[in-house]
C-alpha cells in the first residue's frame, strides 16, 4: 500500500519535472503510479464529439511513485512518513522531522 494519498503535496525527485511540487490528483496502486496536478503534461490527439471539438489536448500523465516524495505541510520539507497509531487504534502518518500528523 502506498504511503502517498490523494490531495497530498509531493515533490518530484527524478525526470524532466525534477524539483517541482504539486498536489496528487489520482493514485493508481495496481501500477504504483500517481497523477500530479500541473506536472508531466503530454499531448493527446482527440477525436471530436458532439459537445467537444477534436484536436490536440494537453493532460497530466502519471509518474512512478518512486520518483516523488511526500512534503510535510508544517515544515515544508520532503520526508518519508512514519506510520504510527493513536491510542484509539487509528493509523496515522507522522512527519519524521517535525512530528506533525499528516491527514489521510
Protein backbone atom coordinates (compact mmCIF):
# COMPACT_ATOMS: atom_id res chain seq x y z
CA UNK A 1 0.00 0.00 0.00
CA UNK A 2 1.49 3.36 -0.98
CA UNK A 3 2.15 5.99 1.68
CA UNK A 4 1.04 8.73 -0.70
CA UNK A 5 -2.66 9.52 -0.86
CA UNK A 6 -4.95 11.78 -2.85
CA UNK A 7 -4.62 15.53 -2.08
CA UNK A 8 -1.08 15.08 -0.64
CA UNK A 9 1.59 17.61 -1.56
CA UNK A 10 4.58 15.94 -3.24
CA UNK A 11 7.88 16.94 -4.84
CA UNK A 12 9.25 15.26 -7.98
CA UNK A 13 12.72 13.73 -7.46
CA UNK A 14 13.58 12.47 -10.96
CA UNK A 15 12.80 13.13 -14.59
CA UNK A 16 12.15 16.24 -16.65
CA UNK A 17 9.94 17.76 -13.93
CA UNK A 18 12.54 17.37 -11.14
CA UNK A 19 12.16 19.86 -8.26
CA UNK A 20 8.54 20.81 -8.99
CA UNK A 21 5.83 20.47 -6.35
CA UNK A 22 2.17 19.66 -6.84
CA UNK A 23 -0.93 18.05 -5.40
CA UNK A 24 -1.79 14.41 -6.08
CA UNK A 25 -4.95 14.10 -8.20
CA UNK A 26 -5.10 10.33 -8.54
CA UNK A 27 -3.32 7.28 -7.10
CA UNK A 28 -3.05 4.11 -9.21
CA UNK A 29 -1.95 1.44 -6.66
CA UNK A 30 -2.02 -1.54 -9.05
CA UNK A 31 0.65 0.05 -11.30
CA UNK A 32 2.34 2.06 -8.49
CA UNK A 33 1.85 5.37 -10.29
CA UNK A 34 0.33 8.73 -9.38
CA UNK A 35 -1.03 11.72 -11.30
CA UNK A 36 0.05 15.16 -10.05
CA UNK A 37 -1.69 18.43 -10.90
CA UNK A 38 0.09 20.63 -13.47
CA UNK A 39 3.08 18.26 -13.75
CA UNK A 40 4.19 15.89 -16.57
CA UNK A 41 1.95 17.21 -19.33
CA UNK A 42 1.60 15.13 -22.52
CA UNK A 43 -0.19 15.92 -25.77
CA UNK A 44 -3.05 13.69 -26.87
CA UNK A 45 -4.84 13.77 -30.22
CA UNK A 46 -8.56 13.53 -29.53
CA UNK A 47 -11.43 12.86 -31.90
CA UNK A 48 -14.24 15.38 -31.89
CA UNK A 49 -17.62 14.66 -30.30
CA UNK A 50 -20.94 16.46 -30.41
CA UNK A 51 -20.04 18.51 -27.35
CA UNK A 52 -16.26 18.96 -27.77
CA UNK A 53 -14.23 19.71 -30.87
CA UNK A 54 -11.33 17.44 -31.73
CA UNK A 55 -7.72 18.48 -31.70
CA UNK A 56 -4.51 18.25 -29.70
CA UNK A 57 -5.14 18.42 -25.95
CA UNK A 58 -2.67 18.51 -23.07
CA UNK A 59 -3.26 16.49 -19.94
CA UNK A 60 -1.29 15.21 -16.96
CA UNK A 61 0.37 11.82 -17.33
CA UNK A 62 1.20 9.50 -14.45
CA UNK A 63 4.59 9.34 -12.69
CA UNK A 64 6.01 6.32 -10.89
CA UNK A 65 5.56 6.59 -7.14
CA UNK A 66 9.29 6.05 -6.51
CA UNK A 67 10.09 9.32 -8.32
CA UNK A 68 8.18 11.52 -5.85
CA UNK A 69 8.46 12.27 -2.14
CA UNK A 70 5.82 13.49 0.29
CA UNK A 71 6.16 17.09 1.53
CA UNK A 72 5.21 17.99 5.12
CA UNK A 73 2.66 20.82 5.29
CA UNK A 74 4.10 22.24 8.50
CA UNK A 75 7.86 22.26 7.88
CA UNK A 76 7.55 22.28 4.04
CA UNK A 77 10.36 19.71 3.68
CA UNK A 78 10.39 16.45 1.70
CA UNK A 79 10.17 13.48 4.06
CA UNK A 80 9.39 9.81 4.41
CA UNK A 81 6.38 9.44 6.72
CA UNK A 82 6.42 7.22 9.78
CA UNK A 83 3.35 5.02 10.27
CA UNK A 84 2.07 5.36 13.82
CA UNK A 85 -1.13 4.54 15.66
CA UNK A 86 -3.09 6.66 18.10
CA UNK A 87 -4.35 5.44 21.48
CA UNK A 88 -7.74 4.51 19.97
CA UNK A 89 -6.04 2.33 17.32
CA UNK A 90 -6.36 4.74 14.38
CA UNK A 91 -3.40 4.56 11.99
CA UNK A 92 -1.80 7.90 11.06
CA UNK A 93 1.23 9.12 9.13
CA UNK A 94 3.70 11.27 11.06
CA UNK A 95 6.49 13.55 9.79
CA UNK A 96 9.86 12.28 10.98
CA UNK A 97 11.33 15.81 11.07
CA UNK A 98 8.74 17.86 12.96
CA UNK A 99 6.37 15.21 14.37
CA UNK A 100 3.28 16.66 12.67
CA UNK A 101 0.43 14.26 11.83
CA UNK A 102 -0.47 14.09 8.13
CA UNK A 103 -4.19 13.85 7.37
CA UNK A 104 -5.28 10.83 5.35
